[in-house]
């Protein structure tokens, strides 16, 4: 299905979307943690949208990677020389999914809180977002190495 685009293997072309999108979403998410004022509600919503958009291209990139793997005679269970690449791609996907969920919760919590003082839940979510952002960036970089 996604094995080639104009006779070029699709996987190297499709991975550029997550490679750019995941770190961008993680950086925006890290900034959003520190902008907890109600006036930054639109920024948090936009950041959640960017993270969601960064998540979507992971699926065609993954499918094309599986097809490229199969064309080289390997399987998901035995990925051969790209075992670390496949593992880090899984970590990267998990991190961006976690980031989307955490950002959504963070946005809802802060938008409901409005102008009230700082809540423990928003603090906990903020720390989780920062950790998830670090994991997303590091796993994305390690996937490509």
Protein backbone atom coordinates (compact mmCIF):
# COMPACT_ATOMS: atom_id res chain seq x y z
CA UNK A 1 0.00 0.00 0.00
CA UNK A 2 2.66 2.54 1.02
CA UNK A 3 5.71 0.84 -0.36
CA UNK A 4 6.84 3.51 -2.85
CA UNK A 5 6.18 7.05 -4.01
CA UNK A 6 7.43 7.70 -7.55
CA UNK A 7 9.72 4.65 -7.32
CA UNK A 8 11.27 5.96 -4.08
CA UNK A 9 10.68 3.89 -0.93
CA UNK A 10 7.86 5.63 0.94
CA UNK A 11 9.22 5.13 4.43
CA UNK A 12 12.15 7.58 4.21
CA UNK A 13 9.78 10.18 2.78
CA UNK A 14 6.96 9.69 5.28
CA UNK A 15 9.11 9.72 8.42
CA UNK A 16 9.96 13.37 7.90
CA UNK A 17 6.52 14.42 9.13
CA UNK A 18 6.88 12.81 12.59
CA UNK A 19 10.57 13.74 12.76
CA UNK A 20 9.63 17.41 12.55
CA UNK A 21 6.17 17.26 14.15
CA UNK A 22 6.97 15.39 17.35
CA UNK A 23 9.80 17.66 18.56
CA UNK A 24 7.83 20.76 17.54
CA UNK A 25 4.80 19.56 19.50
CA UNK A 26 6.99 18.65 22.48
CA UNK A 27 8.63 22.09 22.52
CA UNK A 28 5.26 23.85 22.29
CA UNK A 29 3.90 21.60 25.05
CA UNK A 30 6.84 22.51 27.28
CA UNK A 31 6.13 26.20 26.73
CA UNK A 32 2.42 25.67 27.40
CA UNK A 33 3.20 24.25 30.84
CA UNK A 34 4.63 27.59 31.90
CA UNK A 35 1.79 29.64 30.40
CA UNK A 36 -0.99 28.67 32.78
CA UNK A 37 -2.75 32.02 32.74
CA UNK A 38 -6.32 31.90 31.38
CA UNK A 39 -5.33 34.29 28.58
CA UNK A 40 -3.16 31.51 27.07
CA UNK A 41 -6.11 29.15 26.64
CA UNK A 42 -5.98 29.44 22.86
CA UNK A 43 -2.26 28.66 22.87
CA UNK A 44 -2.91 25.45 24.84
CA UNK A 45 -5.70 24.44 22.45
CA UNK A 46 -3.46 25.16 19.45
CA UNK A 47 -0.62 23.19 21.05
CA UNK A 48 -2.93 20.22 21.61
CA UNK A 49 -3.97 20.46 17.95
CA UNK A 50 -0.31 20.55 16.80
CA UNK A 51 0.46 17.48 18.93
CA UNK A 52 -2.55 15.66 17.47
CA UNK A 53 -1.44 16.58 13.96
CA UNK A 54 2.08 15.34 14.81
CA UNK A 55 0.59 12.02 15.95
CA UNK A 56 -1.31 11.25 12.74
CA UNK A 57 1.63 10.79 10.30
CA UNK A 58 3.17 8.19 12.61
CA UNK A 59 0.71 5.61 11.34
CA UNK A 60 1.50 5.81 7.60
CA UNK A 61 5.21 6.04 8.46
CA UNK A 62 4.89 2.92 10.57
CA UNK A 63 2.94 1.06 7.87
CA UNK A 64 5.48 1.98 5.22
CA UNK A 65 8.29 0.88 7.54
CA UNK A 66 6.63 -2.49 8.03
CA UNK A 67 6.28 -2.88 4.25
CA UNK A 68 9.91 -1.90 3.71
CA UNK A 69 10.91 -4.43 6.37
CA UNK A 70 8.89 -7.16 4.66
CA UNK A 71 10.43 -6.30 1.30
CA UNK A 72 13.86 -6.92 2.82
CA UNK A 73 12.80 -10.33 4.13
CA UNK A 74 12.26 -9.38 7.79
CA UNK A 75 9.16 -9.34 10.03
CA UNK A 76 7.99 -7.24 12.95
CA UNK A 77 8.90 -10.10 15.27
CA UNK A 78 12.37 -10.38 13.73
CA UNK A 79 13.30 -6.93 12.39
CA UNK A 80 16.92 -7.89 11.90
CA UNK A 81 19.37 -5.00 11.82
CA UNK A 82 16.69 -2.36 12.49
CA UNK A 83 15.57 -3.77 15.84
CA UNK A 84 16.63 -0.65 17.76
CA UNK A 85 15.04 1.61 15.16
CA UNK A 86 11.74 -0.25 15.55
CA UNK A 87 11.91 -0.15 19.36
CA UNK A 88 12.61 3.57 19.50
CA UNK A 89 9.84 4.19 16.95
CA UNK A 90 7.46 2.41 19.34
CA UNK A 91 8.68 4.58 22.24
CA UNK A 92 8.27 7.69 20.13
CA UNK A 93 4.72 6.74 19.20
CA UNK A 94 3.85 6.04 22.84
CA UNK A 95 5.35 9.36 23.91
CA UNK A 96 3.38 11.43 21.38
CA UNK A 97 0.16 9.61 22.29
CA UNK A 98 0.84 10.34 25.97
CA UNK A 99 1.62 13.95 25.11
CA UNK A 100 -1.66 14.40 23.22
CA UNK A 101 -3.68 12.90 26.09
CA UNK A 102 -1.84 14.90 28.76
CA UNK A 103 -2.17 18.14 26.80
CA UNK A 104 -5.88 17.54 26.36
CA UNK A 105 -6.33 16.97 30.09
CA UNK A 106 -4.12 19.94 30.93
CA UNK A 107 -6.12 22.21 28.63
CA UNK A 108 -9.44 21.07 30.09
CA UNK A 109 -8.23 21.45 33.68
CA UNK A 110 -6.84 24.94 33.12
CA UNK A 111 -9.79 26.14 31.04
CA UNK A 112 -12.21 24.99 33.74
CA UNK A 113 -10.12 26.52 36.47
CA UNK A 114 -10.25 29.93 34.74
CA UNK A 115 -8.72 32.62 36.96
CA UNK A 116 -8.48 30.52 40.12
CA UNK A 117 -5.18 29.83 41.83
CA UNK A 118 -2.79 27.06 40.92
CA UNK A 119 -4.12 23.55 41.37
CA UNK A 120 -2.17 20.44 42.28
CA UNK A 121 -3.64 18.60 39.29
CA UNK A 122 -2.38 21.18 36.79
CA UNK A 123 1.06 20.98 38.45
CA UNK A 124 1.15 17.19 38.22
CA UNK A 125 -0.03 17.30 34.60
CA UNK A 126 2.61 19.94 33.84
CA UNK A 127 5.40 17.74 35.19
CA UNK A 128 4.05 14.76 33.22
CA UNK A 129 3.92 16.88 30.06
CA UNK A 130 7.53 17.99 30.54
CA UNK A 131 8.66 14.39 31.07
CA UNK A 132 6.64 13.17 28.10
CA UNK A 133 8.11 15.96 25.96
CA UNK A 134 11.64 14.92 26.87
CA UNK A 135 10.89 11.27 26.11
CA UNK A 136 9.25 12.25 22.80
CA UNK A 137 12.24 14.30 21.65
CA UNK A 138 14.87 11.82 22.81
CA UNK A 139 13.06 8.78 21.37
CA UNK A 140 12.51 10.57 18.05
CA UNK A 141 16.21 11.42 17.81
CA UNK A 142 17.23 7.88 18.81
CA UNK A 143 14.83 6.39 16.26
CA UNK A 144 16.74 8.10 13.48
CA UNK A 145 20.19 7.09 14.67
